């Protein structure tokens, strides 16, 4: 039995009379009666509340492929509808209709649902666990949510799969050439090759070769921003540091918005397994850790806007202002820079040709499926590289691990021992990548490496190369507002508040901060610590205003 199936009683719990009475105190409206078969909420409907059934039933269905529906469950008295999108006020990825005898139910919009989570530890825990497990179940079923139609393995399909998967959204890919439904839609619409992939949103809206932002907008992932709103804290970056800051700040009553140009989790979110994070002795995937942190932040009322890119920070006014791509702006009493680092790219002229088309900077299940049974190479000797090697080795025929120096200088011992025990991993010490072969149409075909000691080169035929060669600070958008060190990392500690930068009201945490410990636990700790310093900043400003 699968893990999801074995927890069905937690996915669809039945509240007892006392728990129903507790929950009803947090309802956002009065009891409502629905006629038999009446639509209560539709797929793609934004702002659809969760409903607690008092009598009768609600039938829940999901999309199954392009034109069909599949049943999810039937809620009876004492059960409630919804999944995590209801908590975040995002578009619904399922639909609910009153059963054959109709039903009576009370609504909980996102604000009142969050109030239930916080106001009743008992019922809130039951509801929160159920909403999360339902999303996990929809992902496992595969047919719900967003449908991608294109060429599996292409750079565009891989990009969209990665974005949706890391964002925790169910998605299904149909081959535009061999899948009957996918091919029929492409032919009926007369879609050209340059228009692929097609994306069918849960509400049926069709996008042609969209950007991540266009998909996010179609899914209702991006909130409507009011430039007149002044947040207590605007956090740039949704990695472990930024999400930790959001959880602690929002739970303490601060108004918070988190922005990220890609997805939740940062670089840690792409890690197959994190085994040295306190409290997880068997390890946890970066995506699972980021997903839990995201749900915590939403539970306490933080807004999370993804994928939205910050173009620049203005720090010459009374408070810092973030200017976003597309013309929007965000004002905040405090800005927390948690933008982490960008993947470092080797200086190879044609590298961009193969990014997403044979060259990857992370190793998720999507990449593992693409290279299953093949020979691959991975460049890098840090812990992230070690975790990726341990994950990929179980899927590939042979893995060439290419490093500049001995692993003991850069990697944790437990990972070194694990890699040494893998029979299909071949270690190349003292080498570096110098050339890539192939073309845009067929992708990567071979890689050339050079021995750094004697300059000799060797060519390896392969279609998949993973680069884990470190990262540079993501600070190009700061527009000179804060001081950085010689490597571009942000300097803090020059003001009384330890994590504040050279610009008042602007803080830096996590990997982007000079002198930080590049570990998930350290980033989470700084995310918690910065909230106390934001409180101190707000208190000082309040005292100044009162004088």
Protein backbone atom coordinates (compact mmCIF):
# COMPACT_ATOMS: atom_id res chain seq x y z
CA UNK A 1 0.00 0.00 0.00
CA UNK A 2 1.36 3.45 -0.89
CA UNK A 3 2.14 5.99 1.81
CA UNK A 4 -0.67 8.24 0.58
CA UNK A 5 -3.26 5.44 0.51
CA UNK A 6 -2.30 4.30 4.00
CA UNK A 7 -3.02 7.80 5.33
CA UNK A 8 -6.44 8.22 3.74
CA UNK A 9 -8.02 8.58 7.18
CA UNK A 10 -5.80 11.63 7.71
CA UNK A 11 -6.49 13.01 4.23
CA UNK A 12 -10.25 12.87 4.74
CA UNK A 13 -10.88 13.02 8.51
CA UNK A 14 -14.33 13.24 10.08
CA UNK A 15 -14.67 15.87 12.81
CA UNK A 16 -16.67 14.91 15.87
CA UNK A 17 -19.52 17.17 17.16
CA UNK A 18 -17.23 19.06 19.55
CA UNK A 19 -14.66 19.68 16.81
CA UNK A 20 -17.41 20.81 14.41
CA UNK A 21 -18.64 23.28 17.03
CA UNK A 22 -15.09 24.60 17.48
CA UNK A 23 -14.56 24.96 13.74
CA UNK A 24 -17.86 26.77 13.17
CA UNK A 25 -16.69 29.62 15.44
CA UNK A 26 -14.14 30.46 12.72
CA UNK A 27 -16.47 30.20 9.70
CA UNK A 28 -16.48 33.13 7.25
CA UNK A 29 -20.21 32.98 6.60
CA UNK A 30 -23.51 31.38 7.59
CA UNK A 31 -24.67 27.87 6.75
CA UNK A 32 -25.59 27.47 3.08
CA UNK A 33 -27.88 24.92 1.44
CA UNK A 34 -26.93 23.52 -1.99
CA UNK A 35 -29.34 21.76 -4.34
CA UNK A 36 -28.53 18.28 -5.69
CA UNK A 37 -25.77 18.49 -8.31
CA UNK A 38 -25.20 22.23 -7.75
CA UNK A 39 -21.62 23.39 -8.35
CA UNK A 40 -20.09 24.59 -5.10
CA UNK A 41 -16.68 25.50 -6.53
CA UNK A 42 -15.08 24.99 -9.94
CA UNK A 43 -11.64 23.96 -11.14
CA UNK A 44 -9.58 27.12 -11.56
CA UNK A 45 -11.83 29.23 -9.32
CA UNK A 46 -9.73 31.67 -7.34
CA UNK A 47 -10.67 32.41 -3.75
CA UNK A 48 -12.95 29.38 -3.44
CA UNK A 49 -13.45 28.73 0.29
CA UNK A 50 -13.14 25.41 2.06
CA UNK A 51 -16.54 24.03 3.07
CA UNK A 52 -17.38 22.07 6.23
CA UNK A 53 -20.25 19.66 5.48
CA UNK A 54 -23.03 19.64 8.08
CA UNK A 55 -25.36 17.20 6.28
CA UNK A 56 -25.57 15.61 2.85
CA UNK A 57 -22.48 15.14 0.68
CA UNK A 58 -20.08 17.00 -1.63
CA UNK A 59 -18.55 15.11 -4.58
CA UNK A 60 -15.02 16.25 -5.45
CA UNK A 61 -13.56 15.66 -8.93
CA UNK A 62 -10.27 16.48 -10.62
CA UNK A 63 -9.17 16.83 -14.22
CA UNK A 64 -8.10 13.54 -15.81
CA UNK A 65 -6.20 14.33 -18.97
CA UNK A 66 -7.49 16.97 -21.37
CA UNK A 67 -11.22 16.36 -21.45
CA UNK A 68 -12.23 13.99 -18.69
CA UNK A 69 -12.93 14.15 -14.98
CA UNK A 70 -12.03 11.63 -12.30
CA UNK A 71 -13.52 11.34 -8.81
CA UNK A 72 -11.33 12.27 -5.87
CA UNK A 73 -13.63 11.64 -2.90
CA UNK A 74 -17.09 12.27 -1.50
CA UNK A 75 -17.23 14.38 1.67
CA UNK A 76 -19.95 13.62 4.19
CA UNK A 77 -21.08 15.29 7.41
CA UNK A 78 -18.14 16.40 9.53
CA UNK A 79 -15.71 16.51 6.60
CA UNK A 80 -14.30 19.55 4.82
CA UNK A 81 -13.28 20.34 1.26
CA UNK A 82 -10.11 21.92 -0.07
CA UNK A 83 -6.34 21.50 -0.20
CA UNK A 84 -3.43 23.91 0.34
CA UNK A 85 -4.59 26.30 -2.41
CA UNK A 86 -7.60 27.16 -0.24
CA UNK A 87 -5.20 28.13 2.53
CA UNK A 88 -3.24 30.40 0.18
CA UNK A 89 -6.30 31.89 -1.60
CA UNK A 90 -5.11 30.45 -4.91
CA UNK A 91 -7.06 28.87 -7.77
CA UNK A 92 -8.69 25.55 -6.98
CA UNK A 93 -7.32 22.48 -8.77
CA UNK A 94 -10.44 20.39 -8.06
CA UNK A 95 -14.18 20.96 -8.29
CA UNK A 96 -16.97 20.28 -5.78
CA UNK A 97 -20.65 19.55 -6.44
CA UNK A 98 -23.48 18.81 -4.06
CA UNK A 99 -24.38 15.12 -3.89
CA UNK A 100 -27.60 13.44 -4.94
CA UNK A 101 -29.45 14.63 -1.85
CA UNK A 102 -27.87 18.10 -1.78
CA UNK A 103 -25.97 19.34 1.24
CA UNK A 104 -25.63 22.00 3.90
CA UNK A 105 -22.17 23.45 4.61
CA UNK A 106 -20.42 26.44 6.13
CA UNK A 107 -17.59 28.30 4.32
CA UNK A 108 -14.06 29.15 5.44
CA UNK A 109 -12.26 31.65 3.22
CA UNK A 110 -8.46 31.73 3.37
CA UNK A 111 -8.26 34.26 6.22
CA UNK A 112 -10.75 32.38 8.39
CA UNK A 113 -9.15 29.05 7.53
CA UNK A 114 -5.80 30.39 8.73
CA UNK A 115 -7.50 31.73 11.85
CA UNK A 116 -8.79 28.21 12.53
CA UNK A 117 -5.27 26.83 12.14
CA UNK A 118 -3.87 29.25 14.69
CA UNK A 119 -6.87 29.56 17.00
CA UNK A 120 -7.50 25.84 17.56
CA UNK A 121 -4.40 23.69 17.87
CA UNK A 122 -6.48 20.49 17.90
CA UNK A 123 -8.74 21.07 14.89
CA UNK A 124 -6.12 23.21 13.12
CA UNK A 125 -3.61 20.34 13.13
CA UNK A 126 -6.18 17.93 11.69
CA UNK A 127 -7.14 20.35 8.91
CA UNK A 128 -3.57 21.36 8.06
CA UNK A 129 -2.38 17.77 7.78
CA UNK A 130 -5.34 16.89 5.57
CA UNK A 131 -4.82 19.83 3.19
CA UNK A 132 -1.15 18.96 2.71
CA UNK A 133 -1.79 15.24 2.20
CA UNK A 134 -4.49 15.98 -0.36
CA UNK A 135 -2.02 18.00 -2.43
CA UNK A 136 0.46 15.12 -2.16
CA UNK A 137 -2.28 12.75 -3.33
CA UNK A 138 -3.17 14.93 -6.33
CA UNK A 139 0.50 15.04 -7.33
CA UNK A 140 0.75 11.25 -7.05
CA UNK A 141 -2.36 10.77 -9.22
CA UNK A 142 -0.73 12.82 -11.98
CA UNK A 143 -3.84 13.75 -13.95
CA UNK A 144 -4.86 16.73 -11.83
CA UNK A 145 -3.63 20.24 -12.25
CA UNK A 146 -1.63 21.48 -15.23
CA UNK A 147 -1.14 19.54 -18.47
CA UNK A 148 2.00 20.05 -20.57
CA UNK A 149 1.91 19.02 -24.23
CA UNK A 150 5.20 18.91 -26.09
CA UNK A 151 8.33 16.83 -26.56
CA UNK A 152 9.34 15.11 -23.31
CA UNK A 153 12.98 15.86 -22.52
CA UNK A 154 13.02 19.14 -24.42
CA UNK A 155 14.46 22.13 -22.58
CA UNK A 156 11.11 23.94 -22.43
CA UNK A 157 9.19 20.93 -21.08
CA UNK A 158 11.94 20.20 -18.54
CA UNK A 159 11.91 23.83 -17.40
CA UNK A 160 8.15 23.88 -16.89
CA UNK A 161 8.13 20.47 -15.19
CA UNK A 162 10.83 21.69 -12.83
CA UNK A 163 9.00 24.92 -12.03
CA UNK A 164 5.67 23.22 -11.34
CA UNK A 165 7.17 20.33 -9.40
CA UNK A 166 9.33 22.54 -7.19
CA UNK A 167 6.29 24.76 -6.63
CA UNK A 168 4.34 21.70 -5.46
CA UNK A 169 1.81 21.76 -8.32
CA UNK A 170 0.47 18.55 -9.90
CA UNK A 171 1.30 18.27 -13.59
CA UNK A 172 1.02 15.75 -16.40
CA UNK A 173 3.09 15.68 -19.61
CA UNK A 174 1.60 14.40 -22.89
CA UNK A 175 3.85 13.68 -25.88
CA UNK A 176 2.74 15.88 -28.77
CA UNK A 177 3.80 13.21 -31.29
CA UNK A 178 2.79 9.89 -29.74
CA UNK A 179 0.08 10.52 -27.15
CA UNK A 180 -3.36 10.35 -28.75
CA UNK A 181 -4.92 13.24 -26.79
CA UNK A 182 -1.86 15.46 -27.08
CA UNK A 183 -1.36 14.87 -30.80
CA UNK A 184 -5.06 15.43 -31.54
CA UNK A 185 -5.07 18.81 -29.77
CA UNK A 186 -1.91 19.95 -31.56
CA UNK A 187 -3.36 18.95 -34.93
CA UNK A 188 -6.78 20.49 -34.24
CA UNK A 189 -5.22 23.84 -33.29
CA UNK A 190 -2.66 23.78 -36.08
CA UNK A 191 0.12 24.40 -33.58
CA UNK A 192 3.57 25.06 -35.04
CA UNK A 193 6.73 23.57 -33.54
CA UNK A 194 7.80 26.97 -32.18
CA UNK A 195 4.51 27.20 -30.26
CA UNK A 196 5.28 24.08 -28.24
CA UNK A 197 4.93 23.26 -25.48
CA UNK A 198 1.24 23.90 -24.95
CA UNK A 199 0.10 24.32 -21.36
CA UNK A 200 -3.49 23.58 -20.36
CA UNK A 201 -4.26 25.23 -17.02
CA UNK A 202 -6.68 23.57 -14.56
CA UNK A 203 -9.48 25.90 -15.72
CA UNK A 204 -8.93 24.89 -19.36
CA UNK A 205 -7.09 28.06 -20.41
CA UNK A 206 -4.47 27.32 -23.09
CA UNK A 207 -0.97 28.83 -23.24
CA UNK A 208 1.54 28.49 -26.09
CA UNK A 209 5.22 28.15 -25.17
CA UNK A 210 4.72 30.19 -21.99
CA UNK A 211 7.19 31.59 -19.50
CA UNK A 212 7.14 30.43 -15.88
CA UNK A 213 5.45 33.71 -14.94
CA UNK A 214 2.70 33.22 -17.52
CA UNK A 215 2.01 29.74 -16.13
CA UNK A 216 2.05 31.05 -12.56
CA UNK A 217 -0.43 33.78 -13.50
CA UNK A 218 -2.73 31.24 -15.15
CA UNK A 219 -2.60 29.12 -11.98
CA UNK A 220 -3.32 32.11 -9.74
CA UNK A 221 0.00 31.72 -7.93
CA UNK A 222 0.89 35.42 -8.01
CA UNK A 223 -1.05 37.74 -5.70
CA UNK A 224 -2.40 41.11 -6.79
CA UNK A 225 0.05 43.69 -5.52
CA UNK A 226 -1.07 47.09 -4.24
CA UNK A 227 1.78 49.63 -4.58
CA UNK A 228 0.21 51.68 -1.76
CA UNK A 229 0.56 48.83 0.75
CA UNK A 230 3.48 49.17 3.16
CA UNK A 231 4.58 45.79 4.54
CA UNK A 232 6.44 45.41 7.79
CA UNK A 233 8.89 43.11 6.01
CA UNK A 234 9.54 42.31 2.34
CA UNK A 235 11.75 39.25 1.94
CA UNK A 236 13.62 38.71 -1.32
CA UNK A 237 14.34 35.01 -1.74
CA UNK A 238 12.27 31.95 -0.80
CA UNK A 239 15.11 29.64 0.19
CA UNK A 240 15.52 28.28 3.73
CA UNK A 241 16.63 31.66 5.12
CA UNK A 242 13.81 33.64 3.51
CA UNK A 243 11.10 31.12 4.37
CA UNK A 244 12.31 30.91 7.98
CA UNK A 245 12.15 34.70 8.26
CA UNK A 246 8.63 34.63 6.79
CA UNK A 247 7.42 31.98 9.26
CA UNK A 248 8.78 33.73 12.33
CA UNK A 249 7.79 37.24 11.23
CA UNK A 250 4.25 36.30 10.19
CA UNK A 251 3.69 34.18 13.31
CA UNK A 252 4.59 37.23 15.40
CA UNK A 253 2.03 39.43 13.70
CA UNK A 254 4.14 41.26 11.13
CA UNK A 255 2.76 41.83 7.63
CA UNK A 256 5.09 39.90 5.32
CA UNK A 257 5.59 39.33 1.60
CA UNK A 258 8.13 36.91 0.14
CA UNK A 259 9.34 37.18 -3.46
CA UNK A 260 11.39 34.78 -5.56
CA UNK A 261 12.10 34.74 -9.27
CA UNK A 262 12.08 30.92 -9.52
CA UNK A 263 10.50 28.68 -6.88
CA UNK A 264 10.51 27.97 -3.17
CA UNK A 265 13.53 26.29 -1.63
CA UNK A 266 16.41 28.06 -3.36
CA UNK A 267 19.40 25.85 -4.11
CA UNK A 268 18.51 23.66 -1.13
CA UNK A 269 15.12 22.99 -2.72
CA UNK A 270 16.83 21.13 -5.56
CA UNK A 271 18.71 18.81 -3.20
CA UNK A 272 17.66 15.16 -3.47
CA UNK A 273 18.30 14.51 0.22
CA UNK A 274 19.54 16.62 3.15
CA UNK A 275 20.84 14.32 5.86
CA UNK A 276 22.67 16.65 8.25
CA UNK A 277 19.75 18.93 9.16
CA UNK A 278 18.83 18.68 12.82
CA UNK A 279 15.72 16.64 13.55
CA UNK A 280 15.68 14.56 10.35
CA UNK A 281 17.90 11.53 11.09
CA UNK A 282 16.79 9.72 7.93
CA UNK A 283 17.10 12.86 5.81
CA UNK A 284 14.57 14.96 3.93
CA UNK A 285 14.48 16.16 0.34
CA UNK A 286 15.00 19.85 -0.26
CA UNK A 287 11.62 20.05 -1.98
CA UNK A 288 9.83 18.48 0.99
CA UNK A 289 11.58 20.81 3.44
CA UNK A 290 10.73 23.86 1.32
CA UNK A 291 7.12 22.70 0.92
CA UNK A 292 6.66 22.38 4.67
CA UNK A 293 8.20 25.80 5.25
CA UNK A 294 5.98 27.35 2.56
CA UNK A 295 2.85 25.89 4.16
CA UNK A 296 3.93 27.19 7.56
CA UNK A 297 4.45 30.69 6.17
CA UNK A 298 1.03 30.64 4.48
CA UNK A 299 -0.59 29.30 7.66
CA UNK A 300 0.52 32.41 9.55
CA UNK A 301 -0.60 34.80 6.81
CA UNK A 302 2.56 35.58 4.85
CA UNK A 303 2.07 36.40 1.16
CA UNK A 304 4.33 34.44 -1.19
CA UNK A 305 4.73 35.83 -4.72
CA UNK A 306 6.44 33.46 -7.17
CA UNK A 307 7.90 33.81 -9.74
CA UNK A 308 8.41 37.57 -9.51
CA UNK A 309 11.80 39.11 -10.19
CA UNK A 310 13.14 42.14 -8.35
CA UNK A 311 14.93 44.48 -10.75
CA UNK A 312 16.39 46.86 -8.19
CA UNK A 313 16.30 48.12 -4.64
CA UNK A 314 15.86 51.85 -3.99
CA UNK A 315 17.15 52.97 -0.60
CA UNK A 316 17.22 56.76 -0.91
CA UNK A 317 13.73 57.43 0.50
CA UNK A 318 12.12 57.25 3.93
CA UNK A 319 11.80 53.48 3.52
CA UNK A 320 13.26 50.93 1.06
CA UNK A 321 11.33 50.20 -2.14
CA UNK A 322 11.57 47.11 -4.37
CA UNK A 323 10.99 47.62 -8.10
CA UNK A 324 9.82 44.49 -9.90
CA UNK A 325 10.04 43.36 -13.51
CA UNK A 326 6.89 44.55 -15.23
CA UNK A 327 6.65 47.87 -13.37
CA UNK A 328 5.21 46.90 -9.97
CA UNK A 329 6.78 48.11 -6.76
CA UNK A 330 6.68 47.07 -3.10
CA UNK A 331 7.21 49.30 -0.09
CA UNK A 332 8.28 47.93 3.27
CA UNK A 333 9.56 49.17 6.60
CA UNK A 334 12.27 46.52 6.35
CA UNK A 335 13.71 44.59 3.42
CA UNK A 336 15.37 41.25 4.07
CA UNK A 337 17.81 40.15 1.37
CA UNK A 338 17.80 36.35 1.27
CA UNK A 339 18.48 36.06 -2.46
CA UNK A 340 21.18 33.42 -2.00
CA UNK A 341 23.46 32.68 -4.90
CA UNK A 342 23.32 31.97 -8.62
CA UNK A 343 24.75 28.76 -10.04
CA UNK A 344 28.30 29.28 -11.22
CA UNK A 345 28.85 28.62 -14.92
CA UNK A 346 32.19 27.55 -16.42
CA UNK A 347 33.62 29.82 -19.11
CA UNK A 348 32.64 27.72 -22.14
CA UNK A 349 31.40 29.60 -25.20
CA UNK A 350 28.52 27.30 -26.15
CA UNK A 351 27.34 26.42 -22.63
CA UNK A 352 24.02 28.27 -23.03
CA UNK A 353 23.14 26.03 -26.00
CA UNK A 354 22.95 22.99 -23.73
CA UNK A 355 21.45 24.43 -20.54
CA UNK A 356 18.27 22.45 -20.02
CA UNK A 357 19.23 20.44 -23.10
CA UNK A 358 21.85 18.12 -21.61
CA UNK A 359 23.40 20.42 -18.98
CA UNK A 360 21.70 20.72 -15.58
CA UNK A 361 22.52 22.56 -12.36
CA UNK A 362 20.41 20.33 -10.14
CA UNK A 363 19.41 16.67 -9.98
CA UNK A 364 15.71 16.16 -9.39
CA UNK A 365 13.54 13.13 -10.25
CA UNK A 366 12.80 14.84 -13.56
CA UNK A 367 16.48 14.79 -14.58
CA UNK A 368 16.90 11.27 -13.18
CA UNK A 369 14.16 9.98 -15.50
CA UNK A 370 15.74 11.69 -18.51
CA UNK A 371 19.12 10.00 -18.01
CA UNK A 372 17.95 6.63 -16.66
CA UNK A 373 20.24 3.80 -17.76
CA UNK A 374 22.74 6.15 -19.43
CA UNK A 375 26.29 7.27 -18.77
CA UNK A 376 26.51 10.73 -17.19
CA UNK A 377 29.07 13.09 -15.71
CA UNK A 378 28.85 15.35 -12.68
CA UNK A 379 31.32 18.14 -11.93
CA UNK A 380 31.69 19.33 -8.34
CA UNK A 381 33.02 18.28 -4.96
CA UNK A 382 30.79 19.98 -2.38
CA UNK A 383 28.01 18.45 -0.29
CA UNK A 384 25.35 19.32 -2.87
CA UNK A 385 27.37 17.45 -5.48
CA UNK A 386 27.75 14.49 -3.14
CA UNK A 387 24.01 14.31 -2.50
CA UNK A 388 23.34 14.49 -6.24
CA UNK A 389 25.83 11.68 -6.95
CA UNK A 390 24.22 9.42 -4.34
CA UNK A 391 20.79 10.11 -5.84
CA UNK A 392 21.69 9.80 -9.53
CA UNK A 393 23.83 6.66 -9.17
CA UNK A 394 20.73 4.60 -8.49
CA UNK A 395 19.29 5.58 -11.87
CA UNK A 396 22.22 5.67 -14.31
CA UNK A 397 24.53 3.09 -15.88
CA UNK A 398 27.74 4.91 -14.90
CA UNK A 399 28.49 8.28 -13.34
CA UNK A 400 31.79 10.09 -13.85
CA UNK A 401 32.48 12.38 -10.89
CA UNK A 402 34.92 15.10 -11.92
CA UNK A 403 36.61 17.19 -9.20
CA UNK A 404 39.54 19.57 -9.05
CA UNK A 405 40.92 18.38 -5.71
CA UNK A 406 40.52 15.59 -3.20
CA UNK A 407 36.97 15.16 -1.89
CA UNK A 408 38.16 15.29 1.73
CA UNK A 409 38.87 19.01 1.29
CA UNK A 410 35.31 19.95 0.31
CA UNK A 411 32.79 17.19 1.16
CA UNK A 412 31.40 15.73 4.40
CA UNK A 413 32.86 12.36 5.33
CA UNK A 414 29.54 10.51 5.34
CA UNK A 415 29.01 11.45 1.68
CA UNK A 416 32.57 10.47 0.73
CA UNK A 417 32.04 7.02 2.26
CA UNK A 418 28.70 6.61 0.51
CA UNK A 419 30.15 7.52 -2.88
CA UNK A 420 33.08 5.13 -2.37
CA UNK A 421 30.59 2.30 -1.89
CA UNK A 422 28.80 2.99 -5.19
CA UNK A 423 30.05 0.52 -7.83
CA UNK A 424 29.02 2.61 -10.83
CA UNK A 425 30.72 5.87 -9.82
CA UNK A 426 34.14 6.63 -11.32
CA UNK A 427 36.13 9.42 -9.66
CA UNK A 428 38.34 11.77 -11.72
CA UNK A 429 40.48 13.95 -9.42
CA UNK A 430 42.34 16.98 -10.73
CA UNK A 431 40.21 17.53 -13.82
CA UNK A 432 37.98 20.28 -15.19
CA UNK A 433 35.51 20.72 -18.03
CA UNK A 434 36.79 22.59 -21.12
CA UNK A 435 34.47 21.75 -24.04
CA UNK A 436 30.97 20.64 -25.02
CA UNK A 437 29.84 19.00 -28.28
CA UNK A 438 26.40 18.72 -29.87
CA UNK A 439 23.79 21.08 -31.25
CA UNK A 440 20.59 22.80 -30.19
CA UNK A 441 18.35 20.27 -31.95
CA UNK A 442 19.81 17.02 -30.62
CA UNK A 443 21.37 18.31 -27.41
CA UNK A 444 24.64 17.39 -25.78
CA UNK A 445 26.65 14.54 -27.33
CA UNK A 446 30.12 14.68 -25.74
CA UNK A 447 32.22 16.50 -23.15
CA UNK A 448 35.94 17.24 -23.09
CA UNK A 449 37.82 17.34 -19.78
CA UNK A 450 41.36 18.51 -19.07
CA UNK A 451 43.83 17.22 -16.51
CA UNK A 452 44.95 20.32 -14.62
CA UNK A 453 48.35 18.85 -13.74
CA UNK A 454 49.70 17.99 -17.20
CA UNK A 455 47.18 19.66 -19.55
CA UNK A 456 46.14 16.46 -21.28
CA UNK A 457 42.52 16.23 -22.41
CA UNK A 458 40.10 13.37 -22.77
CA UNK A 459 36.73 13.18 -24.50
CA UNK A 460 33.71 11.40 -23.04
CA UNK A 461 30.62 10.68 -25.13
CA UNK A 462 27.51 11.40 -23.03
CA UNK A 463 24.19 13.19 -23.21
CA UNK A 464 23.84 14.47 -19.65
CA UNK A 465 26.19 16.69 -17.65
CA UNK A 466 25.48 17.98 -14.15
CA UNK A 467 27.33 21.07 -12.90
CA UNK A 468 27.70 21.59 -9.14
CA UNK A 469 30.68 23.93 -9.16
CA UNK A 470 29.55 26.45 -6.59
CA UNK A 471 27.67 29.69 -6.79
CA UNK A 472 28.14 33.46 -6.85
CA UNK A 473 26.12 35.89 -4.70
CA UNK A 474 22.86 37.02 -6.27
CA UNK A 475 23.34 40.74 -5.63
CA UNK A 476 23.28 42.34 -9.08
CA UNK A 477 19.84 43.88 -8.42
CA UNK A 478 20.90 45.89 -5.35
CA UNK A 479 21.89 48.94 -7.39
CA UNK A 480 24.69 49.95 -5.01
CA UNK A 481 22.38 50.28 -2.00
CA UNK A 482 24.47 48.12 0.33
CA UNK A 483 28.16 47.44 0.88
CA UNK A 484 29.59 44.16 -0.40
CA UNK A 485 32.95 42.45 0.03
CA UNK A 486 35.46 41.74 -2.75
CA UNK A 487 33.49 38.64 -3.82
CA UNK A 488 30.14 40.42 -3.93
CA UNK A 489 28.68 39.07 -0.68
CA UNK A 490 26.75 41.55 1.45
CA UNK A 491 28.50 43.02 4.48
CA UNK A 492 26.52 43.23 7.73
CA UNK A 493 27.37 44.18 11.29
CA UNK A 494 28.41 47.79 10.69
CA UNK A 495 25.24 48.97 12.46
CA UNK A 496 24.03 48.11 15.97
CA UNK A 497 21.77 45.38 14.57
CA UNK A 498 24.06 42.51 13.55
CA UNK A 499 22.23 41.45 10.38
CA UNK A 500 21.53 44.98 9.13
CA UNK A 501 23.46 46.19 6.09
CA UNK A 502 25.03 49.58 5.47
CA UNK A 503 21.57 50.80 4.44
CA UNK A 504 19.11 51.43 7.29
CA UNK A 505 16.19 49.02 7.30
CA UNK A 506 17.83 46.60 4.88
CA UNK A 507 18.99 43.25 6.28
CA UNK A 508 20.87 40.31 4.76
CA UNK A 509 20.67 36.65 5.76
CA UNK A 510 21.74 33.26 4.47
CA UNK A 511 24.22 32.45 1.71
CA UNK A 512 24.18 35.99 0.27
CA UNK A 513 25.64 37.44 3.49
CA UNK A 514 29.40 37.79 3.85
CA UNK A 515 30.76 35.45 6.50
CA UNK A 516 27.66 33.26 6.71
CA UNK A 517 27.95 29.52 7.19
CA UNK A 518 26.75 27.91 3.97
CA UNK A 519 24.45 25.35 5.60
CA UNK A 520 20.66 25.01 5.67
CA UNK A 521 20.54 25.07 9.47
CA UNK A 522 22.59 28.27 9.61
CA UNK A 523 20.33 29.93 7.04
CA UNK A 524 17.21 28.99 9.02
CA UNK A 525 18.82 30.33 12.20
CA UNK A 526 19.57 33.68 10.57
CA UNK A 527 16.01 33.80 9.25
CA UNK A 528 14.73 33.49 12.81
CA UNK A 529 17.28 35.91 14.26
CA UNK A 530 16.54 38.71 11.77
CA UNK A 531 12.91 38.95 12.94
CA UNK A 532 13.94 40.12 16.41
CA UNK A 533 16.09 42.79 14.77
CA UNK A 534 13.17 43.91 12.58
CA UNK A 535 11.04 44.26 15.73
CA UNK A 536 13.79 46.43 17.22
CA UNK A 537 13.90 48.56 14.07
CA UNK A 538 10.12 49.08 14.11
CA UNK A 539 10.19 49.92 17.81
CA UNK A 540 12.91 52.52 17.28
CA UNK A 541 11.00 54.13 14.42
CA UNK A 542 7.79 54.15 16.46
CA UNK A 543 9.62 55.83 19.34
CA UNK A 544 11.10 58.43 17.01
CA UNK A 545 7.68 59.19 15.53
CA UNK A 546 6.23 59.65 19.03
CA UNK A 547 8.84 62.22 20.01
